[in-house]
Each structure stands twice: as structure tokens, then as C-alpha cells.
């Protein structure tokens, strides 16, 4: 049993719940991943929390991260594909009741940004912009060491910057958002469209796999597949265009890129940097570092846990 206070970080996305037991330095001692039913989210999350408490004996707080919009002033989930509308308003209070712990609810990109800032690629900086590129594209802003979430908690929605005014419709109702061309599902859609219309692309190994994913595109790119390399490079250019807008707007010290799409490593990071350099106001670009995150798949759970800890210290 631990003598020092530990924290629980949780992340709900789709039908999965990821949880971690984290110390105040960001070290993970236990990880849990399980299927979760949205209708029984509170009870299942509480069950996982109780299991982690039993292993450690000394948990001080729980950070709960979700995709969507969270009003930090009221602790109400405004919009989230992972949380049923019937429990959004009462989620915070019900998690406290079910777990017996102090609970902080946060947007997943904000949580990941905080984790990277505290113990990852953001260490040593005071101001960062974090972009999480996965099934969606989220962003988060940390200014002078604190999350800046805007007037109602929704700041950082970089995925809905318009990249192509004549592009496809986004889930937000706009057309041509960054999320429509650079999120993981969008990479797969664009790859399929290209495979269907370009005969030369049939040489790609992706064409042999009807159910390929963005992870497969990244894997084949790393294996040297020319078509996959092209798709990753073009995705990087789209992201770089969005990054340039952030650089011009915020003149931020460091931009950190995370999420599953960044598993492609330098193959996607390099075109992001080159496109940002081409499009950004040069004095702003030269003052900004663009780096990949260091925490990988643990970023959200570590960040949620550390947010919960630091919120209790304020």
C-alpha cells in the first residue's frame, strides 16, 4: 500500500474506459482498460476506481476526461459523444457519490495538454498550445502555466478551423474543417477515395486490406509504402496549415502534437513543420517550437490525474 497520495486518471472514448493510477510526479503504477456501456458509465467507472483504490489504499482524487465540451464553472458536460445526454448534467455529482473521491471532469485534449505540460514535452515552458489528432482533433491552451479555457470552457477547438472552404461537411455543421481532412477517420476516407480513382495506388499494400485504419496507414508509411507515405505527408500539410494559424494568432512558445495520428513520428512531424513554416508569419514561426508529445497513450490519463491533484491544491 502506498504511503504517499496517489491519483486516478480516467479517459472515456467510445466504448472504452482507460484508467491509470498515477503519483504526483506523473508516474503510472497501474493501468486498466475495459469496455464500457454509456448507460452504465458511472457504475462501471466507480467499480474501476474502487479496484484501483484497493490496490493503492491511498487515492486523493479522480480526474475524468471525456471528448466534448465541459463547462468548468458549473462542472456540466455540455456536449460529448461519449456521455449520454441523460447523465451529462449530473455526471460530476454522481461520480463523487459513487466513488467517494474528489472528482474533476475535463475535456480530453485539455487533460492531455496538462499532462504533457507537467511531465512531458511541455516541461520547461510556460505557454503551450497542444493539438490532439486522433478520431477527432482537439486543442488546448496553457498560458503562464495554467489552462486557458475561454469564457465558458470551450477554447482550443482547433479541429474546426476551416482548411477547405469547398470541403465536406463536418460534424459541427461547418464545411472543410481541419477535422474533415486530418483526423484518423478522415485519413482512411481520403486514402480509400484515392485508391478507388488512382490505378497506380493499387500497388500499395493498403489496397489488400479492406478494413485498414489510420494506424495501418502509419505502419505502411513507416515500412516505406509510397502511397501511404504520400497520404501521411498530405495529412501533415493539412495539419501544418492549422498550426500556422495557431502560430500567427497566439505567438505561442511551444506547440505540442499528440494523439494516435502522431504515431507516424517524423514522417508526419516533418511536413507539419515545413508547411507551418511556409504559411506562418516568419517572426512568429521562428519564436515557436513544434514538437511531438512524449507521453503517448498515457497523456490523457496522466493529465486528468494531475489536473485533479492541482485543482485540490488551489
C-alpha atoms as a PDB file:
ATOM      1  CA  UNK A   1       0.000   0.000   0.000  1.00  0.00           C
ATOM      2  CA  UNK A   2       1.296   3.451  -0.936  1.00  0.00           C
ATOM      3  CA  UNK A   3       2.048   5.923   1.856  1.00  0.00           C
ATOM      4  CA  UNK A   4       2.019   8.941  -0.461  1.00  0.00           C
ATOM      5  CA  UNK A   5      -1.240  10.149  -2.009  1.00  0.00           C
ATOM      6  CA  UNK A   6      -1.971   8.727  -5.449  1.00  0.00           C
ATOM      7  CA  UNK A   7      -4.386   9.838  -8.128  1.00  0.00           C
ATOM      8  CA  UNK A   8      -6.654   8.148 -10.621  1.00  0.00           C
ATOM      9  CA  UNK A   9      -6.874   9.372 -14.180  1.00  0.00           C
ATOM     10  CA  UNK A  10      -9.687   8.107 -16.396  1.00  0.00           C
ATOM     11  CA  UNK A  11     -10.485   8.589 -20.058  1.00  0.00           C
ATOM     12  CA  UNK A  12     -13.729   7.568 -21.727  1.00  0.00           C
ATOM     13  CA  UNK A  13     -13.783   7.371 -25.513  1.00  0.00           C
ATOM     14  CA  UNK A  14     -16.367   5.452 -27.474  1.00  0.00           C
ATOM     15  CA  UNK A  15     -16.976   2.150 -25.719  1.00  0.00           C
ATOM     16  CA  UNK A  16     -13.625   2.127 -23.899  1.00  0.00           C
ATOM     17  CA  UNK A  17     -12.574   3.251 -20.468  1.00  0.00           C
ATOM     18  CA  UNK A  18      -8.874   3.705 -19.776  1.00  0.00           C
ATOM     19  CA  UNK A  19      -7.719   4.310 -16.230  1.00  0.00           C
ATOM     20  CA  UNK A  20      -4.354   4.741 -14.538  1.00  0.00           C
ATOM     21  CA  UNK A  21      -3.016   5.001 -11.026  1.00  0.00           C
ATOM     22  CA  UNK A  22      -0.652   7.972 -11.061  1.00  0.00           C
ATOM     23  CA  UNK A  23       1.626   9.559  -8.476  1.00  0.00           C
ATOM     24  CA  UNK A  24       2.104  13.312  -8.119  1.00  0.00           C
ATOM     25  CA  UNK A  25       5.204  13.161 -10.338  1.00  0.00           C
ATOM     26  CA  UNK A  26       3.215  11.648 -13.213  1.00  0.00           C
ATOM     27  CA  UNK A  27       4.494   8.082 -12.875  1.00  0.00           C
ATOM     28  CA  UNK A  28       1.962   5.356 -13.731  1.00  0.00           C
ATOM     29  CA  UNK A  29       1.938   2.260 -11.497  1.00  0.00           C
ATOM     30  CA  UNK A  30      -1.266   0.575 -12.726  1.00  0.00           C
ATOM     31  CA  UNK A  31      -3.259   0.671 -15.955  1.00  0.00           C
ATOM     32  CA  UNK A  32      -6.751  -0.626 -16.639  1.00  0.00           C
ATOM     33  CA  UNK A  33      -8.569  -0.766 -19.961  1.00  0.00           C
ATOM     34  CA  UNK A  34     -12.092  -2.122 -20.242  1.00  0.00           C
ATOM     35  CA  UNK A  35     -15.212  -1.950 -22.353  1.00  0.00           C
ATOM     36  CA  UNK A  36     -17.827   0.420 -21.003  1.00  0.00           C
ATOM     37  CA  UNK A  37     -21.539   0.864 -21.611  1.00  0.00           C
ATOM     38  CA  UNK A  38     -22.588   4.529 -21.812  1.00  0.00           C
ATOM     39  CA  UNK A  39     -25.785   3.738 -19.921  1.00  0.00           C
ATOM     40  CA  UNK A  40     -23.806   2.251 -17.007  1.00  0.00           C
ATOM     41  CA  UNK A  41     -20.833   4.593 -17.225  1.00  0.00           C
ATOM     42  CA  UNK A  42     -20.977   5.879 -13.664  1.00  0.00           C
ATOM     43  CA  UNK A  43     -21.281   2.451 -12.027  1.00  0.00           C
ATOM     44  CA  UNK A  44     -18.570   0.917 -14.212  1.00  0.00           C
ATOM     45  CA  UNK A  45     -16.173   3.813 -13.698  1.00  0.00           C
ATOM     46  CA  UNK A  46     -16.777   3.624  -9.947  1.00  0.00           C
ATOM     47  CA  UNK A  47     -16.041  -0.095  -9.995  1.00  0.00           C
ATOM     48  CA  UNK A  48     -12.693   0.504 -11.729  1.00  0.00           C
ATOM     49  CA  UNK A  49     -11.906   3.289  -9.254  1.00  0.00           C
ATOM     50  CA  UNK A  50     -12.664   1.040  -6.283  1.00  0.00           C
ATOM     51  CA  UNK A  51     -10.337  -1.611  -7.702  1.00  0.00           C
ATOM     52  CA  UNK A  52      -7.501   0.897  -8.012  1.00  0.00           C
ATOM     53  CA  UNK A  53      -8.151   2.296  -4.539  1.00  0.00           C
ATOM     54  CA  UNK A  54      -7.994  -1.230  -3.133  1.00  0.00           C
ATOM     55  CA  UNK A  55      -4.591  -1.761  -4.753  1.00  0.00           C
ATOM     56  CA  UNK A  56      -3.107   1.507  -3.505  1.00  0.00           C
ATOM     57  CA  UNK A  57      -5.019   2.259  -0.327  1.00  0.00           C
ATOM     58  CA  UNK A  58      -4.394   5.979  -0.651  1.00  0.00           C
ATOM     59  CA  UNK A  59      -6.110   7.819  -3.523  1.00  0.00           C
ATOM     60  CA  UNK A  60      -6.814  11.522  -3.074  1.00  0.00           C
ATOM     61  CA  UNK A  61      -8.661  12.457  -6.282  1.00  0.00           C
ATOM     62  CA  UNK A  62     -10.042  11.281  -9.611  1.00  0.00           C
ATOM     63  CA  UNK A  63      -9.647  13.074 -12.922  1.00  0.00           C
ATOM     64  CA  UNK A  64     -12.253  12.089 -15.531  1.00  0.00           C
ATOM     65  CA  UNK A  65     -11.556  13.082 -19.152  1.00  0.00           C
ATOM     66  CA  UNK A  66     -14.048  12.924 -21.993  1.00  0.00           C
ATOM     67  CA  UNK A  67     -14.248  14.075 -25.618  1.00  0.00           C
ATOM     68  CA  UNK A  68     -16.530  17.083 -25.869  1.00  0.00           C
ATOM     69  CA  UNK A  69     -17.236  20.373 -24.140  1.00  0.00           C
ATOM     70  CA  UNK A  70     -17.143  20.762 -20.368  1.00  0.00           C
ATOM     71  CA  UNK A  71     -18.190  23.958 -18.600  1.00  0.00           C
ATOM     72  CA  UNK A  72     -15.599  24.167 -15.827  1.00  0.00           C
ATOM     73  CA  UNK A  73     -17.581  26.841 -13.996  1.00  0.00           C
ATOM     74  CA  UNK A  74     -20.544  24.518 -13.472  1.00  0.00           C
ATOM     75  CA  UNK A  75     -18.875  21.088 -13.975  1.00  0.00           C
ATOM     76  CA  UNK A  76     -21.563  20.298 -16.532  1.00  0.00           C
ATOM     77  CA  UNK A  77     -20.850  18.300 -19.683  1.00  0.00           C
ATOM     78  CA  UNK A  78     -22.375  20.375 -22.468  1.00  0.00           C
ATOM     79  CA  UNK A  79     -21.623  18.179 -25.489  1.00  0.00           C
ATOM     80  CA  UNK A  80     -19.984  14.764 -25.628  1.00  0.00           C
ATOM     81  CA  UNK A  81     -20.347  11.770 -27.943  1.00  0.00           C
ATOM     82  CA  UNK A  82     -19.193   9.553 -25.064  1.00  0.00           C
ATOM     83  CA  UNK A  83     -21.681  10.698 -22.425  1.00  0.00           C
ATOM     84  CA  UNK A  84     -25.447  10.145 -22.811  1.00  0.00           C
ATOM     85  CA  UNK A  85     -27.462  13.356 -22.613  1.00  0.00           C
ATOM     86  CA  UNK A  86     -29.441  11.964 -19.673  1.00  0.00           C
ATOM     87  CA  UNK A  87     -26.409  11.959 -17.354  1.00  0.00           C
ATOM     88  CA  UNK A  88     -24.346  14.909 -18.629  1.00  0.00           C
ATOM     89  CA  UNK A  89     -25.629  17.470 -16.144  1.00  0.00           C
ATOM     90  CA  UNK A  90     -25.291  15.214 -13.112  1.00  0.00           C
ATOM     91  CA  UNK A  91     -22.138  13.303 -14.105  1.00  0.00           C
ATOM     92  CA  UNK A  92     -19.829  15.196 -11.754  1.00  0.00           C
ATOM     93  CA  UNK A  93     -22.009  14.824  -8.665  1.00  0.00           C
ATOM     94  CA  UNK A  94     -22.802  11.190  -9.427  1.00  0.00           C
ATOM     95  CA  UNK A  95     -19.136  10.272  -9.825  1.00  0.00           C
ATOM     96  CA  UNK A  96     -18.384  11.870  -6.455  1.00  0.00           C
ATOM     97  CA  UNK A  97     -21.233   9.933  -4.862  1.00  0.00           C
ATOM     98  CA  UNK A  98     -20.302   6.628  -6.476  1.00  0.00           C
ATOM     99  CA  UNK A  99     -16.548   6.800  -5.825  1.00  0.00           C
ATOM    100  CA  UNK A 100     -16.324   8.789  -2.599  1.00  0.00           C
ATOM    101  CA  UNK A 101     -13.463  10.760  -4.164  1.00  0.00           C
ATOM    102  CA  UNK A 102     -12.943  14.368  -5.119  1.00  0.00           C
ATOM    103  CA  UNK A 103     -13.594  14.448  -8.887  1.00  0.00           C
ATOM    104  CA  UNK A 104     -12.581  16.813 -11.671  1.00  0.00           C
ATOM    105  CA  UNK A 105     -14.143  16.461 -15.136  1.00  0.00           C
ATOM    106  CA  UNK A 106     -12.211  17.783 -18.106  1.00  0.00           C
ATOM    107  CA  UNK A 107     -12.091  17.741 -21.896  1.00  0.00           C
ATOM    108  CA  UNK A 108      -9.653  15.064 -23.103  1.00  0.00           C
ATOM    109  CA  UNK A 109      -7.433  17.442 -25.092  1.00  0.00           C
ATOM    110  CA  UNK A 110      -7.132  19.751 -22.091  1.00  0.00           C
ATOM    111  CA  UNK A 111      -6.175  16.788 -19.933  1.00  0.00           C
ATOM    112  CA  UNK A 112      -3.541  15.563 -22.405  1.00  0.00           C
ATOM    113  CA  UNK A 113      -2.135  19.080 -22.728  1.00  0.00           C
ATOM    114  CA  UNK A 114      -1.786  19.363 -18.967  1.00  0.00           C
ATOM    115  CA  UNK A 115      -0.022  16.010 -18.761  1.00  0.00           C
ATOM    116  CA  UNK A 116       2.465  16.995 -21.455  1.00  0.00           C
ATOM    117  CA  UNK A 117       2.969  20.386 -19.839  1.00  0.00           C
ATOM    118  CA  UNK A 118       3.689  18.958 -16.395  1.00  0.00           C
ATOM    119  CA  UNK A 119       5.741  15.862 -17.168  1.00  0.00           C
ATOM    120  CA  UNK A 120       6.077  15.531 -20.953  1.00  0.00           C
ATOM    121  CA  UNK A 121       7.137  17.586 -23.956  1.00  0.00           C
ATOM    122  CA  UNK A 122       5.992  20.842 -22.379  1.00  0.00           C
ATOM    123  CA  UNK A 123       8.377  20.778 -19.451  1.00  0.00           C
ATOM    124  CA  UNK A 124      10.437  23.939 -19.214  1.00  0.00           C
ATOM    125  CA  UNK A 125       7.865  26.132 -20.965  1.00  0.00           C
ATOM    126  CA  UNK A 126       5.199  28.455 -19.579  1.00  0.00           C
ATOM    127  CA  UNK A 127       2.970  28.807 -22.646  1.00  0.00           C
ATOM    128  CA  UNK A 128       1.940  25.958 -24.937  1.00  0.00           C
ATOM    129  CA  UNK A 129      -0.667  25.001 -27.474  1.00  0.00           C
ATOM    130  CA  UNK A 130      -1.479  21.299 -27.602  1.00  0.00           C
ATOM    131  CA  UNK A 131      -3.130  19.625 -30.580  1.00  0.00           C
ATOM    132  CA  UNK A 132      -4.562  16.111 -30.178  1.00  0.00           C
ATOM    133  CA  UNK A 133      -5.008  14.349 -33.525  1.00  0.00           C
ATOM    134  CA  UNK A 134      -6.966  11.127 -33.289  1.00  0.00           C
ATOM    135  CA  UNK A 135     -10.578  10.187 -34.047  1.00  0.00           C
ATOM    136  CA  UNK A 136     -11.221  13.905 -33.788  1.00  0.00           C
ATOM    137  CA  UNK A 137      -8.923  16.902 -33.498  1.00  0.00           C
ATOM    138  CA  UNK A 138      -8.887  18.859 -30.270  1.00  0.00           C
ATOM    139  CA  UNK A 139      -6.715  21.612 -28.907  1.00  0.00           C
ATOM    140  CA  UNK A 140      -5.791  23.163 -25.600  1.00  0.00           C
ATOM    141  CA  UNK A 141      -4.045  26.334 -24.482  1.00  0.00           C
ATOM    142  CA  UNK A 142      -1.833  26.733 -21.422  1.00  0.00           C
ATOM    143  CA  UNK A 143      -0.799  30.291 -20.608  1.00  0.00           C
ATOM    144  CA  UNK A 144       1.564  31.152 -17.774  1.00  0.00           C
ATOM    145  CA  UNK A 145       1.326  27.594 -16.509  1.00  0.00           C
ATOM    146  CA  UNK A 146      -2.475  27.447 -16.376  1.00  0.00           C
ATOM    147  CA  UNK A 147      -5.119  26.042 -18.691  1.00  0.00           C
ATOM    148  CA  UNK A 148      -6.885  28.841 -20.514  1.00  0.00           C
ATOM    149  CA  UNK A 149     -10.308  27.526 -21.436  1.00  0.00           C
ATOM    150  CA  UNK A 150     -12.086  30.679 -22.548  1.00  0.00           C
ATOM    151  CA  UNK A 151     -15.224  32.349 -21.214  1.00  0.00           C
ATOM    152  CA  UNK A 152     -17.240  29.128 -20.954  1.00  0.00           C
ATOM    153  CA  UNK A 153     -14.615  26.394 -21.059  1.00  0.00           C
ATOM    154  CA  UNK A 154     -14.586  25.673 -24.791  1.00  0.00           C
ATOM    155  CA  UNK A 155     -11.342  27.297 -26.015  1.00  0.00           C
ATOM    156  CA  UNK A 156      -8.924  25.391 -28.238  1.00  0.00           C
ATOM    157  CA  UNK A 157     -11.278  23.832 -30.794  1.00  0.00           C
ATOM    158  CA  UNK A 158      -8.624  23.892 -33.496  1.00  0.00           C
ATOM    159  CA  UNK A 159     -10.205  20.934 -35.289  1.00  0.00           C
ATOM    160  CA  UNK A 160     -12.889  23.300 -36.523  1.00  0.00           C
ATOM    161  CA  UNK A 161     -10.590  25.801 -38.190  1.00  0.00           C
ATOM    162  CA  UNK A 162     -11.641  25.926 -41.855  1.00  0.00           C
ATOM    163  CA  UNK A 163      -8.991  24.433 -44.150  1.00  0.00           C
ATOM    164  CA  UNK A 164     -11.017  23.901 -47.332  1.00  0.00           C
ATOM    165  CA  UNK A 165     -13.984  26.205 -47.919  1.00  0.00           C
ATOM    166  CA  UNK A 166     -15.332  23.770 -50.518  1.00  0.00           C
ATOM    167  CA  UNK A 167     -14.659  20.645 -48.470  1.00  0.00           C
ATOM    168  CA  UNK A 168     -17.029  18.119 -46.974  1.00  0.00           C
ATOM    169  CA  UNK A 169     -19.428  18.833 -44.143  1.00  0.00           C
ATOM    170  CA  UNK A 170     -18.085  18.440 -40.612  1.00  0.00           C
ATOM    171  CA  UNK A 171     -19.993  17.112 -37.609  1.00  0.00           C
ATOM    172  CA  UNK A 172     -20.037  20.695 -36.287  1.00  0.00           C
ATOM    173  CA  UNK A 173     -22.113  21.837 -39.290  1.00  0.00           C
ATOM    174  CA  UNK A 174     -19.323  23.799 -40.981  1.00  0.00           C
ATOM    175  CA  UNK A 175     -17.628  22.587 -44.167  1.00  0.00           C
ATOM    176  CA  UNK A 176     -13.958  21.883 -44.724  1.00  0.00           C
ATOM    177  CA  UNK A 177     -12.808  21.851 -41.090  1.00  0.00           C
ATOM    178  CA  UNK A 178      -9.323  20.549 -40.280  1.00  0.00           C
ATOM    179  CA  UNK A 179     -11.020  17.548 -38.665  1.00  0.00           C
ATOM    180  CA  UNK A 180     -12.560  16.570 -42.016  1.00  0.00           C
ATOM    181  CA  UNK A 181      -9.152  16.034 -43.613  1.00  0.00           C
ATOM    182  CA  UNK A 182      -6.670  15.194 -40.856  1.00  0.00           C
ATOM    183  CA  UNK A 183      -8.450  13.132 -38.181  1.00  0.00           C
ATOM    184  CA  UNK A 184      -7.883   9.367 -38.190  1.00  0.00           C
ATOM    185  CA  UNK A 185     -11.239   8.536 -39.894  1.00  0.00           C
ATOM    186  CA  UNK A 186     -10.607  11.284 -42.454  1.00  0.00           C
ATOM    187  CA  UNK A 187      -7.191   9.861 -43.335  1.00  0.00           C
ATOM    188  CA  UNK A 188      -8.860   6.496 -44.006  1.00  0.00           C
ATOM    189  CA  UNK A 189     -11.618   8.127 -46.092  1.00  0.00           C
ATOM    190  CA  UNK A 190      -9.146  10.081 -48.197  1.00  0.00           C
ATOM    191  CA  UNK A 191      -6.970   7.001 -48.693  1.00  0.00           C
ATOM    192  CA  UNK A 192      -9.953   4.924 -49.842  1.00  0.00           C
ATOM    193  CA  UNK A 193     -11.047   7.630 -52.272  1.00  0.00           C
ATOM    194  CA  UNK A 194      -7.553   7.818 -53.743  1.00  0.00           C
ATOM    195  CA  UNK A 195      -7.249   4.032 -54.006  1.00  0.00           C
ATOM    196  CA  UNK A 196     -10.509   3.914 -55.973  1.00  0.00           C
ATOM    197  CA  UNK A 197      -9.610   6.602 -58.517  1.00  0.00           C
ATOM    198  CA  UNK A 198      -5.857   6.162 -58.968  1.00  0.00           C
ATOM    199  CA  UNK A 199      -4.741   2.953 -60.656  1.00  0.00           C
ATOM    200  CA  UNK A 200      -1.106   3.389 -59.631  1.00  0.00           C
ATOM    201  CA  UNK A 201      -2.077   3.411 -55.952  1.00  0.00           C
ATOM    202  CA  UNK A 202      -3.226  -0.209 -56.273  1.00  0.00           C
ATOM    203  CA  UNK A 203       0.411  -1.169 -55.747  1.00  0.00           C
ATOM    204  CA  UNK A 204       0.019  -0.064 -52.116  1.00  0.00           C
ATOM    205  CA  UNK A 205      -0.343  -2.811 -49.540  1.00  0.00           C
ATOM    206  CA  UNK A 206      -3.268  -0.840 -48.138  1.00  0.00           C
ATOM    207  CA  UNK A 207      -5.302  -1.963 -51.149  1.00  0.00           C
ATOM    208  CA  UNK A 208      -5.075  -5.560 -49.939  1.00  0.00           C
ATOM    209  CA  UNK A 209      -6.751  -4.692 -46.629  1.00  0.00           C
ATOM    210  CA  UNK A 210     -10.397  -3.675 -46.968  1.00  0.00           C
ATOM    211  CA  UNK A 211     -10.677  -2.650 -43.311  1.00  0.00           C
ATOM    212  CA  UNK A 212      -7.461  -0.681 -42.898  1.00  0.00           C
ATOM    213  CA  UNK A 213      -7.204   2.036 -40.253  1.00  0.00           C
ATOM    214  CA  UNK A 214      -5.155   5.195 -39.824  1.00  0.00           C
ATOM    215  CA  UNK A 215      -2.762   3.098 -37.730  1.00  0.00           C
ATOM    216  CA  UNK A 216      -2.304   0.837 -40.758  1.00  0.00           C
ATOM    217  CA  UNK A 217      -1.561   3.851 -42.963  1.00  0.00           C
ATOM    218  CA  UNK A 218       1.097   4.993 -40.484  1.00  0.00           C
ATOM    219  CA  UNK A 219       2.548   1.480 -40.256  1.00  0.00           C
ATOM    220  CA  UNK A 220       2.803   1.063 -44.020  1.00  0.00           C
ATOM    221  CA  UNK A 221       4.337   4.524 -44.329  1.00  0.00           C
ATOM    222  CA  UNK A 222       6.998   3.541 -41.818  1.00  0.00           C
ATOM    223  CA  UNK A 223       7.577   0.394 -43.886  1.00  0.00           C
ATOM    224  CA  UNK A 224       8.252   2.527 -46.961  1.00  0.00           C
ATOM    225  CA  UNK A 225       4.945   2.150 -48.846  1.00  0.00           C
ATOM    226  CA  UNK A 226       4.913   5.070 -51.318  1.00  0.00           C
ATOM    227  CA  UNK A 227       1.133   5.552 -51.300  1.00  0.00           C
ATOM    228  CA  UNK A 228       0.927   5.519 -47.501  1.00  0.00           C
ATOM    229  CA  UNK A 229       3.866   7.942 -47.329  1.00  0.00           C
ATOM    230  CA  UNK A 230       2.031  10.304 -49.676  1.00  0.00           C
ATOM    231  CA  UNK A 231      -1.146  10.163 -47.542  1.00  0.00           C
ATOM    232  CA  UNK A 232       0.796  10.851 -44.357  1.00  0.00           C
ATOM    233  CA  UNK A 233       2.695  13.721 -45.963  1.00  0.00           C
ATOM    234  CA  UNK A 234      -0.502  15.338 -47.261  1.00  0.00           C
ATOM    235  CA  UNK A 235      -2.120  14.931 -43.858  1.00  0.00           C
ATOM    236  CA  UNK A 236       0.914  16.660 -42.366  1.00  0.00           C
ATOM    237  CA  UNK A 237       0.444  19.577 -44.747  1.00  0.00           C
ATOM    238  CA  UNK A 238      -3.184  19.983 -43.675  1.00  0.00           C
ATOM    239  CA  UNK A 239      -2.175  19.935 -40.018  1.00  0.00           C
ATOM    240  CA  UNK A 240       0.680  22.339 -40.735  1.00  0.00           C
ATOM    241  CA  UNK A 241      -1.807  24.785 -42.214  1.00  0.00           C
ATOM    242  CA  UNK A 242      -3.798  24.694 -38.972  1.00  0.00           C
ATOM    243  CA  UNK A 243      -0.622  25.001 -36.913  1.00  0.00           C
ATOM    244  CA  UNK A 244       0.375  28.108 -38.885  1.00  0.00           C
ATOM    245  CA  UNK A 245      -2.928  29.746 -37.923  1.00  0.00           C
ATOM    246  CA  UNK A 246      -2.257  28.972 -34.255  1.00  0.00           C
ATOM    247  CA  UNK A 247       1.271  30.400 -34.518  1.00  0.00           C
ATOM    248  CA  UNK A 248       0.039  33.611 -36.120  1.00  0.00           C
ATOM    249  CA  UNK A 249      -2.784  34.037 -33.612  1.00  0.00           C
ATOM    250  CA  UNK A 250      -1.021  33.187 -30.360  1.00  0.00           C
ATOM    251  CA  UNK A 251       2.724  33.704 -30.935  1.00  0.00           C
ATOM    252  CA  UNK A 252       2.985  30.742 -28.571  1.00  0.00           C
ATOM    253  CA  UNK A 253       6.245  29.407 -27.113  1.00  0.00           C
ATOM    254  CA  UNK A 254       5.702  25.727 -27.916  1.00  0.00           C
ATOM    255  CA  UNK A 255       3.218  23.675 -29.941  1.00  0.00           C
ATOM    256  CA  UNK A 256       2.916  20.033 -28.920  1.00  0.00           C
ATOM    257  CA  UNK A 257       1.311  17.478 -31.228  1.00  0.00           C
ATOM    258  CA  UNK A 258      -0.179  14.316 -29.765  1.00  0.00           C
ATOM    259  CA  UNK A 259      -2.833  11.683 -30.389  1.00  0.00           C
ATOM    260  CA  UNK A 260      -2.767   8.451 -32.350  1.00  0.00           C
ATOM    261  CA  UNK A 261      -2.056  10.036 -35.748  1.00  0.00           C
ATOM    262  CA  UNK A 262       1.321  11.204 -34.410  1.00  0.00           C
ATOM    263  CA  UNK A 263       2.386   7.562 -34.159  1.00  0.00           C
ATOM    264  CA  UNK A 264       3.707   8.157 -37.680  1.00  0.00           C
ATOM    265  CA  UNK A 265       6.545  10.080 -35.995  1.00  0.00           C
ATOM    266  CA  UNK A 266       8.921  12.143 -38.121  1.00  0.00           C
ATOM    267  CA  UNK A 267       7.068  11.114 -41.291  1.00  0.00           C
ATOM    268  CA  UNK A 268       4.203  13.380 -40.268  1.00  0.00           C
ATOM    269  CA  UNK A 269       6.032  15.819 -38.000  1.00  0.00           C
ATOM    270  CA  UNK A 270       8.414  16.997 -40.731  1.00  0.00           C
ATOM    271  CA  UNK A 271       5.711  18.001 -43.266  1.00  0.00           C
ATOM    272  CA  UNK A 272       3.753  19.677 -40.447  1.00  0.00           C
ATOM    273  CA  UNK A 273       6.764  21.835 -39.586  1.00  0.00           C
ATOM    274  CA  UNK A 274       7.579  22.596 -43.220  1.00  0.00           C
ATOM    275  CA  UNK A 275       4.013  23.620 -44.066  1.00  0.00           C
ATOM    276  CA  UNK A 276       3.733  25.726 -40.910  1.00  0.00           C
ATOM    277  CA  UNK A 277       6.996  27.435 -41.833  1.00  0.00           C
ATOM    278  CA  UNK A 278       5.695  28.131 -45.335  1.00  0.00           C
ATOM    279  CA  UNK A 279       2.394  29.602 -44.172  1.00  0.00           C
ATOM    280  CA  UNK A 280       3.107  31.308 -40.853  1.00  0.00           C
ATOM    281  CA  UNK A 281       4.315  34.871 -40.288  1.00  0.00           C
ATOM    282  CA  UNK A 282       8.066  34.221 -40.094  1.00  0.00           C
ATOM    283  CA  UNK A 283       8.913  36.122 -36.872  1.00  0.00           C
ATOM    284  CA  UNK A 284       6.140  34.178 -35.110  1.00  0.00           C
ATOM    285  CA  UNK A 285       7.248  30.855 -36.615  1.00  0.00           C
ATOM    286  CA  UNK A 286      10.859  31.397 -35.565  1.00  0.00           C
ATOM    287  CA  UNK A 287       9.746  32.036 -31.974  1.00  0.00           C
ATOM    288  CA  UNK A 288       7.793  28.761 -31.757  1.00  0.00           C
ATOM    289  CA  UNK A 289       8.968  25.199 -31.162  1.00  0.00           C
ATOM    290  CA  UNK A 290       6.862  22.482 -32.824  1.00  0.00           C
ATOM    291  CA  UNK A 291       7.384  19.097 -31.169  1.00  0.00           C
ATOM    292  CA  UNK A 292       5.711  15.723 -30.777  1.00  0.00           C
ATOM    293  CA  UNK A 293       4.264  14.743 -27.412  1.00  0.00           C
ATOM    294  CA  UNK A 294       6.232  12.396 -25.160  1.00  0.00           C
ATOM    295  CA  UNK A 295       3.522  10.679 -23.132  1.00  0.00           C
ATOM    296  CA  UNK A 296       1.852   8.760 -25.948  1.00  0.00           C
ATOM    297  CA  UNK A 297      -1.351   6.942 -24.996  1.00  0.00           C
ATOM    298  CA  UNK A 298      -0.886   7.826 -21.317  1.00  0.00           C
ATOM    299  CA  UNK A 299      -1.133  11.583 -21.900  1.00  0.00           C
ATOM    300  CA  UNK A 300      -4.853  11.898 -21.176  1.00  0.00           C
ATOM    301  CA  UNK A 301      -4.978   9.739 -18.049  1.00  0.00           C
ATOM    302  CA  UNK A 302      -1.812  11.271 -16.583  1.00  0.00           C
ATOM    303  CA  UNK A 303      -3.062  14.774 -17.340  1.00  0.00           C
ATOM    304  CA  UNK A 304      -6.528  14.108 -15.903  1.00  0.00           C
ATOM    305  CA  UNK A 305      -4.958  12.783 -12.706  1.00  0.00           C
ATOM    306  CA  UNK A 306      -2.595  15.734 -12.343  1.00  0.00           C
ATOM    307  CA  UNK A 307      -5.373  18.225 -13.061  1.00  0.00           C
ATOM    308  CA  UNK A 308      -7.402  16.639 -10.286  1.00  0.00           C
ATOM    309  CA  UNK A 309      -4.460  16.909  -7.918  1.00  0.00           C
ATOM    310  CA  UNK A 310      -3.617  20.510  -8.732  1.00  0.00           C
ATOM    311  CA  UNK A 311      -7.262  21.623  -8.595  1.00  0.00           C
ATOM    312  CA  UNK A 312      -7.347  20.443  -4.989  1.00  0.00           C
ATOM    313  CA  UNK A 313      -4.208  22.429  -4.208  1.00  0.00           C
ATOM    314  CA  UNK A 314      -5.614  25.752  -5.405  1.00  0.00           C
END
